[in-house]
Structure formats: C-alpha cells, structure tokens
Amino acid sequence: MEFDWNDSPCEVGGSLTIQAIEESFEDPFAIRLMPDSNRFAAQVRFFNLGRSLDGLGIFSVCRTNGKQIRVISARPFVDEENYFYERKMALALK
C-alpha cells in the first residue's frame, strides 16, 4: 500500500506519527467503512479504524485512486471507537 503524504491536509504530532498512521492500515483487524452520507459523495472516501504496532488506536478519513491512499484526517480513537474496534476484533477471533 502506498501513501501520498505530499502537501497532506493531515496534521501529525505527539504520539500520532506518519509511521503510526501507516501501521494502522496494516493492522489485520483494521475496520474499513464506506460512509453513506451525501457529504462524501463528491470524492470516494472511507474510514479506517486500526491500531499501530505500539497499540495506539487511530481513526482515519482517507481517499484513494486505487494506487495511493491519501489521509485527509487522522486522530486517536475516542472511547466509542475503541469499544467498537475491540468488539469487532473479539468477534473475528471467535
């Protein structure tokens, strides 16, 4: 998977690094969702919920052209996203 970080609108800092964001996409339990809102209809976007190698949960909004992924926004999980991720992971491990 190749990422486009040129002139990225995504701000990184603290524990949220480019490397951690990329790792969250490689998480075998990552959850990818396509939004069903008209707000996202102009450009195909998706949400990614995954964990970096150090365990940081990251929620990302991205778009892709099929060759590269462009991260538009990324931030650590909030409590509800962590719960959703943990529940989906537990179901996958059953």
N, C-alpha and C. Protein backbone atom coordinates (compact mmCIF):
# COMPACT_ATOMS: atom_id res chain seq x y z
N MET A 1 0.85 -1.17 0.00
CA MET A 1 0.00 0.00 0.00
C MET A 1 0.90 1.24 0.00
N GLU A 2 0.65 2.14 -0.89
CA GLU A 2 1.46 3.35 -0.99
C GLU A 2 0.64 4.55 -0.51
N PHE A 3 1.29 5.43 0.22
CA PHE A 3 0.61 6.61 0.76
C PHE A 3 1.12 7.87 0.08
N ASP A 4 0.22 8.83 -0.09
CA ASP A 4 0.57 10.14 -0.64
C ASP A 4 0.58 11.14 0.50
N TRP A 5 1.76 11.53 0.94
CA TRP A 5 1.90 12.49 2.03
C TRP A 5 2.31 13.88 1.52
N ASN A 6 2.37 14.07 0.20
CA ASN A 6 2.74 15.37 -0.36
C ASN A 6 1.64 16.39 -0.08
N ASP A 7 2.01 17.47 0.56
CA ASP A 7 1.07 18.55 0.86
C ASP A 7 -0.19 18.01 1.56
N SER A 8 0.01 17.14 2.52
CA SER A 8 -1.10 16.47 3.20
C SER A 8 -1.88 17.44 4.10
N PRO A 9 -3.21 17.36 4.07
CA PRO A 9 -4.01 18.18 4.97
C PRO A 9 -4.03 17.62 6.40
N CYS A 10 -3.50 16.43 6.58
CA CYS A 10 -3.49 15.76 7.87
C CYS A 10 -2.34 16.28 8.72
N GLU A 11 -2.65 16.72 9.94
CA GLU A 11 -1.62 17.18 10.85
C GLU A 11 -1.22 16.04 11.77
N VAL A 12 0.07 15.84 11.94
CA VAL A 12 0.55 14.81 12.84
C VAL A 12 1.36 15.47 13.95
N GLY A 13 1.40 14.81 15.08
CA GLY A 13 2.15 15.34 16.20
C GLY A 13 1.94 14.48 17.42
N GLY A 14 2.85 14.56 18.37
CA GLY A 14 2.75 13.75 19.58
C GLY A 14 2.90 12.28 19.25
N SER A 15 1.98 11.47 19.76
CA SER A 15 2.03 10.02 19.51
C SER A 15 1.52 9.66 18.12
N LEU A 16 0.88 10.61 17.45
CA LEU A 16 0.32 10.37 16.12
C LEU A 16 1.36 10.75 15.07
N THR A 17 2.06 9.74 14.56
CA THR A 17 3.10 9.96 13.56
C THR A 17 2.65 9.37 12.23
N ILE A 18 3.33 9.74 11.17
CA ILE A 18 3.04 9.18 9.85
C ILE A 18 3.22 7.67 9.89
N GLN A 19 4.27 7.21 10.55
CA GLN A 19 4.51 5.78 10.65
C GLN A 19 3.37 5.07 11.37
N ALA A 20 2.88 5.64 12.48
CA ALA A 20 1.78 5.03 13.23
C ALA A 20 0.51 4.97 12.38
N ILE A 21 0.24 6.03 11.62
CA ILE A 21 -0.95 6.04 10.76
C ILE A 21 -0.84 4.94 9.70
N GLU A 22 0.31 4.83 9.05
CA GLU A 22 0.51 3.79 8.04
C GLU A 22 0.37 2.40 8.65
N GLU A 23 0.91 2.20 9.86
CA GLU A 23 0.79 0.91 10.54
C GLU A 23 -0.66 0.56 10.83
N SER A 24 -1.49 1.56 11.13
CA SER A 24 -2.90 1.29 11.43
C SER A 24 -3.64 0.71 10.22
N PHE A 25 -3.15 0.99 9.02
CA PHE A 25 -3.77 0.42 7.82
C PHE A 25 -3.34 -1.03 7.62
N GLU A 26 -2.18 -1.42 8.17
CA GLU A 26 -1.67 -2.78 8.05
C GLU A 26 -2.20 -3.69 9.15
N ASP A 27 -2.91 -3.15 10.12
CA ASP A 27 -3.49 -3.92 11.21
C ASP A 27 -4.41 -5.00 10.63
N PRO A 28 -4.18 -6.27 10.96
CA PRO A 28 -5.04 -7.33 10.40
C PRO A 28 -6.49 -7.24 10.88
N PHE A 29 -6.75 -6.51 11.96
CA PHE A 29 -8.11 -6.34 12.45
C PHE A 29 -8.68 -4.96 12.11
N ALA A 30 -8.00 -4.21 11.25
CA ALA A 30 -8.47 -2.88 10.88
C ALA A 30 -9.87 -2.97 10.28
N ILE A 31 -10.66 -1.97 10.56
CA ILE A 31 -12.03 -1.90 10.06
C ILE A 31 -12.10 -0.76 9.06
N ARG A 32 -12.57 -1.07 7.86
CA ARG A 32 -12.73 -0.05 6.82
C ARG A 32 -14.21 0.11 6.53
N LEU A 33 -14.66 1.34 6.59
CA LEU A 33 -16.08 1.65 6.38
C LEU A 33 -16.23 2.68 5.28
N MET A 34 -17.23 2.49 4.46
CA MET A 34 -17.58 3.48 3.44
C MET A 34 -18.73 4.31 4.00
N PRO A 35 -18.59 5.62 4.06
CA PRO A 35 -19.68 6.45 4.58
C PRO A 35 -20.86 6.44 3.62
N ASP A 36 -22.06 6.53 4.18
CA ASP A 36 -23.27 6.53 3.35
C ASP A 36 -23.90 7.92 3.27
N SER A 37 -23.13 8.93 3.58
CA SER A 37 -23.62 10.31 3.58
C SER A 37 -23.36 10.97 2.22
N ASN A 38 -24.28 11.81 1.77
CA ASN A 38 -24.08 12.56 0.53
C ASN A 38 -22.90 13.53 0.65
N ARG A 39 -22.55 13.86 1.86
CA ARG A 39 -21.44 14.78 2.11
C ARG A 39 -20.14 14.24 1.51
N PHE A 40 -20.01 12.92 1.45
CA PHE A 40 -18.79 12.29 0.94
C PHE A 40 -18.95 11.79 -0.49
N ALA A 41 -20.05 12.11 -1.16
CA ALA A 41 -20.33 11.58 -2.49
C ALA A 41 -19.44 12.17 -3.58
N ALA A 42 -18.97 13.39 -3.42
CA ALA A 42 -18.16 14.03 -4.46
C ALA A 42 -16.85 13.29 -4.69
N GLN A 43 -16.22 12.84 -3.64
CA GLN A 43 -14.98 12.06 -3.74
C GLN A 43 -15.15 10.81 -2.89
N VAL A 44 -14.72 9.69 -3.42
CA VAL A 44 -14.85 8.44 -2.69
C VAL A 44 -13.90 8.48 -1.50
N ARG A 45 -14.48 8.40 -0.32
CA ARG A 45 -13.71 8.42 0.91
C ARG A 45 -14.09 7.21 1.75
N PHE A 46 -13.21 6.83 2.63
CA PHE A 46 -13.53 5.77 3.56
C PHE A 46 -12.89 6.06 4.90
N PHE A 47 -13.39 5.36 5.91
CA PHE A 47 -12.88 5.48 7.26
C PHE A 47 -12.07 4.23 7.57
N ASN A 48 -10.98 4.39 8.27
CA ASN A 48 -10.17 3.26 8.71
C ASN A 48 -9.99 3.35 10.22
N LEU A 49 -10.29 2.27 10.90
CA LEU A 49 -10.05 2.17 12.34
C LEU A 49 -9.06 1.03 12.54
N GLY A 50 -7.87 1.35 13.00
CA GLY A 50 -6.84 0.33 13.19
C GLY A 50 -5.87 0.75 14.27
N ARG A 51 -5.03 -0.19 14.63
CA ARG A 51 -4.03 0.06 15.67
C ARG A 51 -2.63 0.05 15.07
N SER A 52 -1.79 0.93 15.59
CA SER A 52 -0.38 0.94 15.20
C SER A 52 0.32 -0.19 15.95
N LEU A 53 1.58 -0.43 15.63
CA LEU A 53 2.33 -1.52 16.29
C LEU A 53 2.47 -1.31 17.78
N ASP A 54 2.47 -0.06 18.24
CA ASP A 54 2.57 0.19 19.68
C ASP A 54 1.21 0.20 20.38
N GLY A 55 0.14 -0.15 19.65
CA GLY A 55 -1.19 -0.29 20.24
C GLY A 55 -2.06 0.95 20.20
N LEU A 56 -1.59 2.02 19.60
CA LEU A 56 -2.38 3.25 19.51
C LEU A 56 -3.52 3.06 18.51
N GLY A 57 -4.74 3.24 18.95
CA GLY A 57 -5.90 3.17 18.07
C GLY A 57 -6.02 4.46 17.27
N ILE A 58 -6.15 4.34 15.94
CA ILE A 58 -6.19 5.52 15.08
C ILE A 58 -7.40 5.47 14.16
N PHE A 59 -8.17 6.54 14.16
CA PHE A 59 -9.30 6.72 13.25
C PHE A 59 -8.84 7.64 12.14
N SER A 60 -8.96 7.19 10.88
CA SER A 60 -8.51 7.98 9.73
C SER A 60 -9.63 8.14 8.71
N VAL A 61 -9.65 9.29 8.07
CA VAL A 61 -10.51 9.53 6.91
C VAL A 61 -9.57 9.61 5.72
N CYS A 62 -9.85 8.84 4.68
CA CYS A 62 -8.93 8.72 3.55
C CYS A 62 -9.68 8.72 2.24
N ARG A 63 -8.91 8.91 1.19
CA ARG A 63 -9.42 8.69 -0.16
C ARG A 63 -8.32 7.98 -0.94
N THR A 64 -8.72 7.31 -1.99
CA THR A 64 -7.76 6.56 -2.77
C THR A 64 -8.10 6.63 -4.25
N ASN A 65 -7.06 6.51 -5.06
CA ASN A 65 -7.27 6.44 -6.51
C ASN A 65 -7.02 5.01 -6.99
N GLY A 66 -6.91 4.07 -6.07
CA GLY A 66 -6.65 2.69 -6.39
C GLY A 66 -5.18 2.34 -6.34
N LYS A 67 -4.31 3.34 -6.37
CA LYS A 67 -2.87 3.11 -6.30
C LYS A 67 -2.27 3.69 -5.03
N GLN A 68 -2.78 4.84 -4.63
CA GLN A 68 -2.26 5.52 -3.45
C GLN A 68 -3.40 5.88 -2.51
N ILE A 69 -3.05 5.92 -1.23
CA ILE A 69 -4.00 6.36 -0.21
C ILE A 69 -3.58 7.74 0.25
N ARG A 70 -4.54 8.64 0.32
CA ARG A 70 -4.27 9.99 0.82
C ARG A 70 -5.07 10.16 2.11
N VAL A 71 -4.36 10.34 3.21
CA VAL A 71 -5.00 10.51 4.51
C VAL A 71 -5.42 11.97 4.64
N ILE A 72 -6.70 12.18 4.83
CA ILE A 72 -7.24 13.53 4.94
C ILE A 72 -7.23 13.99 6.39
N SER A 73 -7.54 13.05 7.28
CA SER A 73 -7.59 13.37 8.70
C SER A 73 -7.29 12.11 9.49
N ALA A 74 -6.61 12.26 10.61
CA ALA A 74 -6.33 11.12 11.49
C ALA A 74 -6.25 11.63 12.93
N ARG A 75 -6.72 10.79 13.83
CA ARG A 75 -6.68 11.13 15.26
C ARG A 75 -6.77 9.84 16.07
N PRO A 76 -6.37 9.89 17.34
CA PRO A 76 -6.52 8.71 18.19
C PRO A 76 -8.00 8.37 18.40
N PHE A 77 -8.27 7.09 18.68
CA PHE A 77 -9.64 6.64 18.97
C PHE A 77 -10.24 7.43 20.12
N VAL A 78 -11.55 7.66 20.05
CA VAL A 78 -12.31 8.08 21.22
C VAL A 78 -12.86 6.79 21.85
N ASP A 79 -13.43 6.88 23.03
CA ASP A 79 -13.88 5.68 23.76
C ASP A 79 -14.83 4.81 22.94
N GLU A 80 -15.79 5.41 22.24
CA GLU A 80 -16.76 4.64 21.47
C GLU A 80 -16.09 3.87 20.33
N GLU A 81 -15.12 4.49 19.68
CA GLU A 81 -14.40 3.82 18.58
C GLU A 81 -13.56 2.67 19.12
N ASN A 82 -12.94 2.87 20.27
CA ASN A 82 -12.17 1.80 20.90
C ASN A 82 -13.07 0.61 21.23
N TYR A 83 -14.24 0.88 21.77
CA TYR A 83 -15.20 -0.17 22.11
C TYR A 83 -15.64 -0.92 20.84
N PHE A 84 -15.96 -0.19 19.78
CA PHE A 84 -16.38 -0.78 18.51
C PHE A 84 -15.27 -1.66 17.94
N TYR A 85 -14.05 -1.17 17.94
CA TYR A 85 -12.90 -1.92 17.43
C TYR A 85 -12.70 -3.20 18.24
N GLU A 86 -12.69 -3.07 19.57
CA GLU A 86 -12.48 -4.23 20.44
C GLU A 86 -13.57 -5.28 20.24
N ARG A 87 -14.81 -4.84 20.10
CA ARG A 87 -15.93 -5.77 19.89
C ARG A 87 -15.78 -6.50 18.56
N LYS A 88 -15.43 -5.78 17.48
CA LYS A 88 -15.25 -6.42 16.18
C LYS A 88 -14.07 -7.38 16.19
N MET A 89 -13.01 -7.02 16.89
CA MET A 89 -11.85 -7.90 16.97
C MET A 89 -12.20 -9.17 17.73
N ALA A 90 -12.95 -9.05 18.83
CA ALA A 90 -13.35 -10.22 19.61
C ALA A 90 -14.22 -11.16 18.77
N LEU A 91 -15.11 -10.60 17.96
CA LEU A 91 -15.95 -11.43 17.08
C LEU A 91 -15.11 -12.14 16.02
N ALA A 92 -14.10 -11.47 15.51
CA ALA A 92 -13.24 -12.08 14.49
C ALA A 92 -12.40 -13.21 15.06
N LEU A 93 -12.08 -13.14 16.34
CA LEU A 93 -11.23 -14.16 16.97
C LEU A 93 -12.01 -15.37 17.47
N LYS A 94 -13.33 -15.32 17.44
CA LYS A 94 -14.14 -16.46 17.93
C LYS A 94 -14.04 -17.62 17.01
